[in-house]
Amino acid sequence: MFTSRITLAAVLAVAAVAPLPAYAAGLHSLHEVDQNQGLEDCTAEAPNGAPLASGRIVAVDKDASRVTIDFRPLPLLPEGGVRVFAVEDPASLKGLGPGDRVRFEVERDGRGFVVTRLENSN
């Protein structure tokens, strides 16, 4: 049982790091992008009245209904950075790919986070 926990931890660590080579393909981290490109503009609002978060897609895994997003700090995730999220509605991943700018809403789901709303903002 201890070995399976270590194996699971190793798999999760690799999954979290795997999308990072996308930056080598010329994609820039949001932390390096000029603010004048509109990444800070969030005109849409979440149902609770809070503005949607903004970010850039790093990777999309449609089969697993997961998306990797590079995002600025959020109230729920104050550290910001690159994170793999589960997606509540797999249909919202249609047409999205690495480098696309998105607005999204994220909620805590047990020990993880799930994207409940995802919009392309290109």
C-alpha atoms as a PDB file:
ATOM      1  CA  MET A   1       0.000   0.000   0.000  1.00  0.00           C
ATOM      2  CA  PHE A   2       2.859   2.379   0.793  1.00  0.00           C
ATOM      3  CA  THR A   3       4.395   1.657  -2.619  1.00  0.00           C
ATOM      4  CA  SER A   4       1.128   2.480  -4.392  1.00  0.00           C
ATOM      5  CA  ARG A   5       0.976   5.848  -2.612  1.00  0.00           C
ATOM      6  CA  ILE A   6       4.507   6.649  -3.714  1.00  0.00           C
ATOM      7  CA  THR A   7       3.676   5.563  -7.265  1.00  0.00           C
ATOM      8  CA  LEU A   8       0.544   7.725  -7.290  1.00  0.00           C
ATOM      9  CA  ALA A   9       2.533  10.688  -5.968  1.00  0.00           C
ATOM     10  CA  ALA A  10       5.148  10.177  -8.691  1.00  0.00           C
ATOM     11  CA  VAL A  11       2.497   9.987 -11.419  1.00  0.00           C
ATOM     12  CA  LEU A  12       0.815  13.165 -10.162  1.00  0.00           C
ATOM     13  CA  ALA A  13       4.147  14.978 -10.008  1.00  0.00           C
ATOM     14  CA  VAL A  14       4.965  13.995 -13.595  1.00  0.00           C
ATOM     15  CA  ALA A  15       1.488  15.052 -14.777  1.00  0.00           C
ATOM     16  CA  ALA A  16       1.922  18.453 -13.167  1.00  0.00           C
ATOM     17  CA  VAL A  17       5.316  19.027 -14.813  1.00  0.00           C
ATOM     18  CA  ALA A  18       4.631  17.416 -18.209  1.00  0.00           C
ATOM     19  CA  PRO A  19       2.908  20.442 -19.848  1.00  0.00           C
ATOM     20  CA  LEU A  20       5.786  22.788 -19.024  1.00  0.00           C
ATOM     21  CA  PRO A  21       7.776  22.085 -22.227  1.00  0.00           C
ATOM     22  CA  ALA A  22       5.046  24.007 -24.073  1.00  0.00           C
ATOM     23  CA  TYR A  23       6.898  27.148 -22.996  1.00  0.00           C
ATOM     24  CA  ALA A  24       9.903  25.987 -24.996  1.00  0.00           C
ATOM     25  CA  ALA A  25       7.696  26.153 -28.097  1.00  0.00           C
ATOM     26  CA  GLY A  26       7.502  29.942 -27.784  1.00  0.00           C
ATOM     27  CA  LEU A  27       4.599  30.306 -25.371  1.00  0.00           C
ATOM     28  CA  HIS A  28       5.185  32.866 -22.664  1.00  0.00           C
ATOM     29  CA  SER A  29       4.181  32.706 -19.048  1.00  0.00           C
ATOM     30  CA  LEU A  30       1.538  35.226 -18.039  1.00  0.00           C
ATOM     31  CA  HIS A  31       4.109  36.628 -15.677  1.00  0.00           C
ATOM     32  CA  GLU A  32       6.239  37.627 -18.687  1.00  0.00           C
ATOM     33  CA  VAL A  33       3.437  38.995 -20.884  1.00  0.00           C
ATOM     34  CA  ASP A  34       2.902  42.742 -21.195  1.00  0.00           C
ATOM     35  CA  GLN A  35      -0.221  43.848 -19.324  1.00  0.00           C
ATOM     36  CA  ASN A  36      -1.309  45.877 -22.371  1.00  0.00           C
ATOM     37  CA  GLN A  37      -2.291  42.663 -24.189  1.00  0.00           C
ATOM     38  CA  GLY A  38      -5.621  42.566 -22.377  1.00  0.00           C
ATOM     39  CA  LEU A  39      -4.978  39.603 -20.112  1.00  0.00           C
ATOM     40  CA  GLU A  40      -6.097  41.599 -17.102  1.00  0.00           C
ATOM     41  CA  ASP A  41      -9.403  42.659 -18.705  1.00  0.00           C
ATOM     42  CA  CYS A  42     -12.226  40.622 -17.213  1.00  0.00           C
ATOM     43  CA  THR A  43     -15.553  42.024 -18.318  1.00  0.00           C
ATOM     44  CA  ALA A  44     -17.507  38.804 -17.789  1.00  0.00           C
ATOM     45  CA  GLU A  45     -18.720  37.959 -14.333  1.00  0.00           C
ATOM     46  CA  ALA A  46     -19.194  34.713 -12.481  1.00  0.00           C
ATOM     47  CA  PRO A  47     -22.711  33.905 -11.235  1.00  0.00           C
ATOM     48  CA  ASN A  48     -21.747  35.117  -7.754  1.00  0.00           C
ATOM     49  CA  GLY A  49     -20.871  38.561  -9.195  1.00  0.00           C
ATOM     50  CA  ALA A  50     -17.082  38.149  -9.010  1.00  0.00           C
ATOM     51  CA  PRO A  51     -15.112  38.712 -12.232  1.00  0.00           C
ATOM     52  CA  LEU A  52     -13.892  35.634 -14.069  1.00  0.00           C
ATOM     53  CA  ALA A  53     -10.196  34.840 -13.734  1.00  0.00           C
ATOM     54  CA  SER A  54      -7.978  35.184 -16.789  1.00  0.00           C
ATOM     55  CA  GLY A  55      -5.235  32.896 -17.985  1.00  0.00           C
ATOM     56  CA  ARG A  56      -3.548  31.163 -20.898  1.00  0.00           C
ATOM     57  CA  ILE A  57      -4.024  27.511 -21.890  1.00  0.00           C
ATOM     58  CA  VAL A  58      -0.836  25.461 -21.604  1.00  0.00           C
ATOM     59  CA  ALA A  59      -2.330  22.027 -22.438  1.00  0.00           C
ATOM     60  CA  VAL A  60      -5.720  20.404 -23.011  1.00  0.00           C
ATOM     61  CA  ASP A  61      -6.519  16.761 -22.221  1.00  0.00           C
ATOM     62  CA  LYS A  62     -10.006  16.233 -23.658  1.00  0.00           C
ATOM     63  CA  ASP A  63     -10.033  12.498 -22.863  1.00  0.00           C
ATOM     64  CA  ALA A  64      -9.497  13.142 -19.145  1.00  0.00           C
ATOM     65  CA  SER A  65     -11.537  16.407 -19.097  1.00  0.00           C
ATOM     66  CA  ARG A  66      -8.551  18.348 -17.780  1.00  0.00           C
ATOM     67  CA  VAL A  67      -6.918  21.614 -18.756  1.00  0.00           C
ATOM     68  CA  THR A  68      -3.595  23.143 -17.737  1.00  0.00           C
ATOM     69  CA  ILE A  69      -3.820  26.911 -17.259  1.00  0.00           C
ATOM     70  CA  ASP A  70      -1.156  29.533 -16.540  1.00  0.00           C
ATOM     71  CA  PHE A  71      -2.975  32.095 -14.386  1.00  0.00           C
ATOM     72  CA  ARG A  72      -2.391  35.077 -12.150  1.00  0.00           C
ATOM     73  CA  PRO A  73      -3.194  34.814  -8.428  1.00  0.00           C
ATOM     74  CA  LEU A  74      -6.869  34.317  -7.530  1.00  0.00           C
ATOM     75  CA  PRO A  75      -8.630  34.668  -4.181  1.00  0.00           C
ATOM     76  CA  LEU A  76      -9.034  30.872  -4.074  1.00  0.00           C
ATOM     77  CA  LEU A  77      -5.487  30.215  -5.385  1.00  0.00           C
ATOM     78  CA  PRO A  78      -3.303  33.124  -4.221  1.00  0.00           C
ATOM     79  CA  GLU A  79      -0.061  31.561  -5.480  1.00  0.00           C
ATOM     80  CA  GLY A  80      -1.020  31.750  -9.185  1.00  0.00           C
ATOM     81  CA  GLY A  81       1.165  29.950 -11.728  1.00  0.00           C
ATOM     82  CA  VAL A  82       0.549  26.845 -13.839  1.00  0.00           C
ATOM     83  CA  ARG A  83      -1.957  24.267 -12.623  1.00  0.00           C
ATOM     84  CA  VAL A  84      -3.889  21.287 -14.014  1.00  0.00           C
ATOM     85  CA  PHE A  85      -7.646  21.607 -13.409  1.00  0.00           C
ATOM     86  CA  ALA A  86     -10.482  19.142 -13.849  1.00  0.00           C
ATOM     87  CA  VAL A  87     -13.220  20.569 -16.082  1.00  0.00           C
ATOM     88  CA  GLU A  88     -16.873  20.240 -15.085  1.00  0.00           C
ATOM     89  CA  ASP A  89     -18.199  20.412 -18.672  1.00  0.00           C
ATOM     90  CA  PRO A  90     -15.901  18.635 -21.179  1.00  0.00           C
ATOM     91  CA  ALA A  91     -17.704  20.389 -24.047  1.00  0.00           C
ATOM     92  CA  SER A  92     -16.166  23.689 -22.892  1.00  0.00           C
ATOM     93  CA  LEU A  93     -12.748  22.380 -24.045  1.00  0.00           C
ATOM     94  CA  LYS A  94     -13.880  22.248 -27.682  1.00  0.00           C
ATOM     95  CA  GLY A  95     -11.764  24.481 -29.879  1.00  0.00           C
ATOM     96  CA  LEU A  96      -9.229  25.332 -27.166  1.00  0.00           C
ATOM     97  CA  GLY A  97      -5.528  24.716 -27.541  1.00  0.00           C
ATOM     98  CA  PRO A  98      -2.168  25.766 -26.129  1.00  0.00           C
ATOM     99  CA  GLY A  99      -1.633  29.518 -26.196  1.00  0.00           C
ATOM    100  CA  ASP A 100      -5.332  30.462 -26.163  1.00  0.00           C
ATOM    101  CA  ARG A 101      -6.317  33.133 -23.675  1.00  0.00           C
ATOM    102  CA  VAL A 102      -9.291  32.183 -21.517  1.00  0.00           C
ATOM    103  CA  ARG A 103     -11.512  33.475 -18.745  1.00  0.00           C
ATOM    104  CA  PHE A 104     -12.580  30.910 -16.201  1.00  0.00           C
ATOM    105  CA  GLU A 105     -14.263  30.250 -12.893  1.00  0.00           C
ATOM    106  CA  VAL A 106     -12.795  27.697 -10.504  1.00  0.00           C
ATOM    107  CA  GLU A 107     -14.240  26.112  -7.377  1.00  0.00           C
ATOM    108  CA  ARG A 108     -12.829  23.834  -4.714  1.00  0.00           C
ATOM    109  CA  ASP A 109     -13.925  20.221  -5.158  1.00  0.00           C
ATOM    110  CA  GLY A 110     -12.851  18.233  -2.116  1.00  0.00           C
ATOM    111  CA  ARG A 111      -9.052  18.286  -2.119  1.00  0.00           C
ATOM    112  CA  GLY A 112      -8.770  19.601  -5.689  1.00  0.00           C
ATOM    113  CA  PHE A 113     -10.135  22.331  -7.908  1.00  0.00           C
ATOM    114  CA  VAL A 114     -12.549  22.167 -10.819  1.00  0.00           C
ATOM    115  CA  VAL A 115     -13.174  24.690 -13.596  1.00  0.00           C
ATOM    116  CA  THR A 116     -16.922  25.305 -13.657  1.00  0.00           C
ATOM    117  CA  ARG A 117     -16.914  27.860 -16.481  1.00  0.00           C
ATOM    118  CA  LEU A 118     -14.396  28.309 -19.301  1.00  0.00           C
ATOM    119  CA  GLU A 119     -14.550  30.888 -22.101  1.00  0.00           C
ATOM    120  CA  ASN A 120     -12.140  31.581 -24.941  1.00  0.00           C
ATOM    121  CA  SER A 121     -11.100  35.263 -24.809  1.00  0.00           C
ATOM    122  CA  ASN A 122      -8.901  35.445 -27.935  1.00  0.00           C
END
